[in-house]
């Protein structure tokens, strides 16, 4: 699909006219200040996406009271927050987009305990998610009304700052959603029991926001139609709730999926495929919902186009896709689909980094994300001759950024094409975005005039490097090769990909249970093979982000892939693997093919030799120096290229 014109038709949302159908999703960034204030870096980050052509930018949840706000998030709890919010509004408007502020009121039962050990407060005295043995505190009617008034005041501040729309955070099983769900709302007063009563709290919030913003500013209600965990309310009741919301006076419904019990449906990894949450919008349409529908859930340009053309949604929400490439809308408008840098949906540097480490959101493929002013690619003050050894993701990124800065770049690839092994890995259906990324990187190097010499194995003695002012070594890792008897009889994971005919027979045993091994297991299972993973740790894919691992686990189960964990491999042979299990018993597992997936290790030999031969000119990037994920490799190369 090269013609994405239907995405660029205007759309009327309440009293607001949007220039196209692309809206940026709300995403936690940790770019807020320690005082829960909008910061200049947050403004830079959102303004960059506005400049890229999105019709409307949605902020992450700005909390209506400071008690709900986490570290480095924003709370619109007093008028002192208006000036910086106004600065954000102006910056987004100056780039041609509208600003929608999402307003939230916290996590409810998912929240942490207070400083003095007070349990979180929610609709009812249900078990806390963090400590199920402790009951949450039930909010009083006065507390409920306090939050409703806080919504009204926060919405007023948005209007005073120049905001264009309000998105009410009513999804993902958080506090508002807990009032709506009988599973967590066991009240016997006017806020509990019947569906009408359970909807009272969100409807009072909607009414309070409407009172604050007036009739022209659109109100969008974000709602998880499918919470995706056992015991949660069903889709049928959720659809009835949509009809109540439709009659409440909101201008649009922002529909998605998931809850904390099903985090992989909130931060959808690549295992779930593209447009994986579109089904909830389809269900809403079939149920007769006529309000405008927004939908997120891993849309790429092509699924976005298809959803708009089908009339399933009116506005497509993109989050990580715009983090990866802020210019995505402008590129599509210009007919340059192939120029869009794809999001890998790895979750490593957006979700994991902002949620698990407390650092700010950034991106595996866009090193400047979240730090746009400081880490932008700028022209180098002195143009140099740069040599890049290795043409995997790290080598290509180093070459791309160096060329963008004006350096004359020459690359050297050991194989006959860039990223030879990863291109084969990326043929798997779940690796669509990786395949696009590798093609994008290769095309960018050609566009920038980077000369690549293929089938070139560079050593420290090679004369080709004599004239280089800077040398990047991106040769990748080498196999771990542990001292396991019979290891030489196994097919290596590299051979399994590059020479698939070597994987013989119907049964395959994979020695090792890393993420890479699991992905190979899925591919082999898809080819009809019976696969067993043997792993010494207590779970497979220990190197996989936990949210992603949840989705991966379902796929392994669906593929009938056996997992032998806590098995210490002692030897391999042609057709068998021997290990000691958790009980200390020796077991032998038979297979027509045994695959060595023991992993890899850094290989600094060439880099260190070159550092001696060419002092002061050499930088090692990517997996040769450690850190094996594609994102780690690309980011290390990006930063290194900025330094030359």
Foldseek 3Di string as FASTA:
>chain_A
DLALVQQQPWDCFFQDIFRGQEEADEAQFLQADQVQAHDPLNLVQQLLLLLLPGAEYEYHAAELDPVQDDHSHHHLPDLVRLVNLLVSQVSSVVSPHAYEYEYEHHAALADDADPVRAHGEACDQQARPVGRVGTHHHDDPVRLVVRLLSLLSSLLSCVVSPHQAYEYACEQNGRLVLLQWQVNHVDDDQSDDDNNNSCPSVLSSVVSSCVNNDRRRAYEYEYELEQPDPPTDHNVVSLVVVVVVLVSNGQEYEYFYHHPVQCCRVLPALLCPAPNGLVSLVVNVVSPDDHAYEYEDHHDSVVQSVCCVVVSHRHYYDHQQCLLPSNCVVCSVVSNNLLRQGANSQCVQAPCCCPPVVHGGHGLRGLCNSPVVPQPQEADPDAFEEEEEAQELLSLLLLLSLLVNPHQYEYEHLAPDGNVQVCLLCVDPSNVSVNSNSSNSVVSCVVSPHHYHYNDDDFLPDPVCVRGQAYEYEHAWAAPPDPAAAPVLAAEPSCCRVPVVVQDDQEEEEEAQAPSSLSVVLVSLVVRHAYEYEELAPDGNPVGPPSVVVSSVVSCVVSNYHYQYNWAWRHDHQFWTWTQHPVRDIDIDGGNHYYYPVDTAAACVRQVSNCVSPPPRYDYAARNVHDDDSSRRSNRSSVVSSVD
